[in-house]
């Protein structure tokens, strides 16, 4: 990996009530990235695709980030004024029983 690769981390700061983001060297968070699911944007682009990254793709990425943060933060959820394809169901999924 090139030394110049970065990662963007978004989070909701409960103390200030603000959504914040920071840019960090990817090498600092690569171990975490390797353990979680990553979603490609645009989601239908093939690997190694040179498909354009459009305004709509950028809007969707931002929307996914905010909705992900709102899922865990009801105080942020109450402030959302965005349109989604379908109504949001904020009920956490039930854990499978063993």
C-alpha atoms as a PDB file:
ATOM      1  CA  UNK A   1       0.000   0.000   0.000  1.00  0.00           C
ATOM      2  CA  UNK A   2       1.286   3.444  -0.878  1.00  0.00           C
ATOM      3  CA  UNK A   3       2.270   5.602   2.085  1.00  0.00           C
ATOM      4  CA  UNK A   4      -0.057   8.311   0.803  1.00  0.00           C
ATOM      5  CA  UNK A   5      -3.302   6.319   1.047  1.00  0.00           C
ATOM      6  CA  UNK A   6      -5.831   7.821   3.450  1.00  0.00           C
ATOM      7  CA  UNK A   7      -9.031   6.705   5.148  1.00  0.00           C
ATOM      8  CA  UNK A   8     -11.925   8.908   6.205  1.00  0.00           C
ATOM      9  CA  UNK A   9     -13.517   8.236   9.581  1.00  0.00           C
ATOM     10  CA  UNK A  10     -16.952   9.674  10.352  1.00  0.00           C
ATOM     11  CA  UNK A  11     -18.442   9.760  13.840  1.00  0.00           C
ATOM     12  CA  UNK A  12     -21.160  11.415  15.903  1.00  0.00           C
ATOM     13  CA  UNK A  13     -19.743  13.442  18.775  1.00  0.00           C
ATOM     14  CA  UNK A  14     -22.310  13.056  21.559  1.00  0.00           C
ATOM     15  CA  UNK A  15     -20.754  15.881  23.570  1.00  0.00           C
ATOM     16  CA  UNK A  16     -21.193  18.510  20.829  1.00  0.00           C
ATOM     17  CA  UNK A  17     -24.085  16.900  18.924  1.00  0.00           C
ATOM     18  CA  UNK A  18     -22.122  17.177  15.683  1.00  0.00           C
ATOM     19  CA  UNK A  19     -21.230  14.730  12.948  1.00  0.00           C
ATOM     20  CA  UNK A  20     -17.488  14.948  12.409  1.00  0.00           C
ATOM     21  CA  UNK A  21     -14.962  13.315  10.137  1.00  0.00           C
ATOM     22  CA  UNK A  22     -11.226  13.061  10.031  1.00  0.00           C
ATOM     23  CA  UNK A  23      -8.685  11.863   7.500  1.00  0.00           C
ATOM     24  CA  UNK A  24      -6.040   9.465   8.758  1.00  0.00           C
ATOM     25  CA  UNK A  25      -3.245   7.508   7.097  1.00  0.00           C
ATOM     26  CA  UNK A  26      -4.848   4.234   6.022  1.00  0.00           C
ATOM     27  CA  UNK A  27      -2.019   2.207   7.529  1.00  0.00           C
ATOM     28  CA  UNK A  28      -3.272   3.304  10.980  1.00  0.00           C
ATOM     29  CA  UNK A  29      -6.682   1.669  10.439  1.00  0.00           C
ATOM     30  CA  UNK A  30      -5.968  -1.064   7.859  1.00  0.00           C
ATOM     31  CA  UNK A  31      -6.237  -3.881  10.432  1.00  0.00           C
ATOM     32  CA  UNK A  32      -9.764  -2.723  11.273  1.00  0.00           C
ATOM     33  CA  UNK A  33     -10.702  -2.328   7.602  1.00  0.00           C
ATOM     34  CA  UNK A  34      -9.571  -5.918   7.001  1.00  0.00           C
ATOM     35  CA  UNK A  35     -12.003  -7.191   9.693  1.00  0.00           C
ATOM     36  CA  UNK A  36     -15.193  -5.412   8.589  1.00  0.00           C
ATOM     37  CA  UNK A  37     -17.493  -5.363   5.581  1.00  0.00           C
ATOM     38  CA  UNK A  38     -16.641  -2.651   3.067  1.00  0.00           C
ATOM     39  CA  UNK A  39     -19.243  -1.384   0.606  1.00  0.00           C
ATOM     40  CA  UNK A  40     -18.112  -0.282  -2.842  1.00  0.00           C
ATOM     41  CA  UNK A  41     -19.388   2.992  -4.274  1.00  0.00           C
ATOM     42  CA  UNK A  42     -20.948   2.876  -6.774  1.00  0.00           C
ATOM     43  CA  UNK A  43     -22.214  -0.473  -5.472  1.00  0.00           C
ATOM     44  CA  UNK A  44     -22.671  -1.956  -8.945  1.00  0.00           C
ATOM     45  CA  UNK A  45     -19.168  -1.103 -10.200  1.00  0.00           C
ATOM     46  CA  UNK A  46     -16.966  -4.081 -10.968  1.00  0.00           C
ATOM     47  CA  UNK A  47     -13.586  -4.431  -9.272  1.00  0.00           C
ATOM     48  CA  UNK A  48     -10.860  -2.407 -11.004  1.00  0.00           C
ATOM     49  CA  UNK A  49     -13.574  -0.439 -12.797  1.00  0.00           C
ATOM     50  CA  UNK A  50     -12.863   3.000 -14.158  1.00  0.00           C
ATOM     51  CA  UNK A  51     -16.566   3.923 -14.079  1.00  0.00           C
ATOM     52  CA  UNK A  52     -17.099   7.573 -13.187  1.00  0.00           C
ATOM     53  CA  UNK A  53     -17.867   8.525  -9.599  1.00  0.00           C
ATOM     54  CA  UNK A  54     -20.842  10.850 -10.039  1.00  0.00           C
ATOM     55  CA  UNK A  55     -22.563  13.516  -7.965  1.00  0.00           C
ATOM     56  CA  UNK A  56     -25.279  10.977  -7.224  1.00  0.00           C
ATOM     57  CA  UNK A  57     -22.691   8.445  -6.009  1.00  0.00           C
ATOM     58  CA  UNK A  58     -21.245  11.099  -3.690  1.00  0.00           C
ATOM     59  CA  UNK A  59     -24.719  11.939  -2.341  1.00  0.00           C
ATOM     60  CA  UNK A  60     -25.436   8.250  -1.715  1.00  0.00           C
ATOM     61  CA  UNK A  61     -22.116   7.796   0.078  1.00  0.00           C
ATOM     62  CA  UNK A  62     -22.858  10.749   2.348  1.00  0.00           C
ATOM     63  CA  UNK A  63     -26.383   9.495   2.986  1.00  0.00           C
ATOM     64  CA  UNK A  64     -25.148   6.008   3.868  1.00  0.00           C
ATOM     65  CA  UNK A  65     -22.617   7.488   6.291  1.00  0.00           C
ATOM     66  CA  UNK A  66     -25.186   9.679   8.063  1.00  0.00           C
ATOM     67  CA  UNK A  67     -27.771   6.874   8.248  1.00  0.00           C
ATOM     68  CA  UNK A  68     -25.147   4.520   9.689  1.00  0.00           C
ATOM     69  CA  UNK A  69     -24.333   7.035  12.413  1.00  0.00           C
ATOM     70  CA  UNK A  70     -28.008   7.763  13.087  1.00  0.00           C
ATOM     71  CA  UNK A  71     -28.759   4.066  13.583  1.00  0.00           C
ATOM     72  CA  UNK A  72     -26.767   4.143  16.829  1.00  0.00           C
ATOM     73  CA  UNK A  73     -27.664   7.693  17.889  1.00  0.00           C
ATOM     74  CA  UNK A  74     -31.375   8.467  18.380  1.00  0.00           C
ATOM     75  CA  UNK A  75     -30.591  12.143  19.044  1.00  0.00           C
ATOM     76  CA  UNK A  76     -29.114  12.402  15.537  1.00  0.00           C
ATOM     77  CA  UNK A  77     -31.907  10.313  14.044  1.00  0.00           C
ATOM     78  CA  UNK A  78     -34.482  12.827  15.309  1.00  0.00           C
ATOM     79  CA  UNK A  79     -32.736  15.599  13.335  1.00  0.00           C
ATOM     80  CA  UNK A  80     -32.649  13.851   9.954  1.00  0.00           C
ATOM     81  CA  UNK A  81     -34.531  15.586   7.166  1.00  0.00           C
ATOM     82  CA  UNK A  82     -33.507  13.396   4.260  1.00  0.00           C
ATOM     83  CA  UNK A  83     -35.474  11.318   1.791  1.00  0.00           C
ATOM     84  CA  UNK A  84     -34.851   7.598   1.618  1.00  0.00           C
ATOM     85  CA  UNK A  85     -36.118   5.105  -0.938  1.00  0.00           C
ATOM     86  CA  UNK A  86     -38.216   3.391   1.742  1.00  0.00           C
ATOM     87  CA  UNK A  87     -39.123   4.366   5.311  1.00  0.00           C
ATOM     88  CA  UNK A  88     -36.341   3.619   7.791  1.00  0.00           C
ATOM     89  CA  UNK A  89     -36.865   0.820  10.302  1.00  0.00           C
ATOM     90  CA  UNK A  90     -34.612   1.688  13.230  1.00  0.00           C
ATOM     91  CA  UNK A  91     -35.435  -1.475  15.191  1.00  0.00           C
ATOM     92  CA  UNK A  92     -32.188  -3.385  15.700  1.00  0.00           C
ATOM     93  CA  UNK A  93     -32.207  -6.837  14.120  1.00  0.00           C
ATOM     94  CA  UNK A  94     -32.598  -9.768  16.498  1.00  0.00           C
ATOM     95  CA  UNK A  95     -29.478 -11.795  17.094  1.00  0.00           C
ATOM     96  CA  UNK A  96     -29.658 -15.357  15.810  1.00  0.00           C
ATOM     97  CA  UNK A  97     -30.163 -17.953  18.524  1.00  0.00           C
ATOM     98  CA  UNK A  98     -27.771 -20.841  18.740  1.00  0.00           C
END
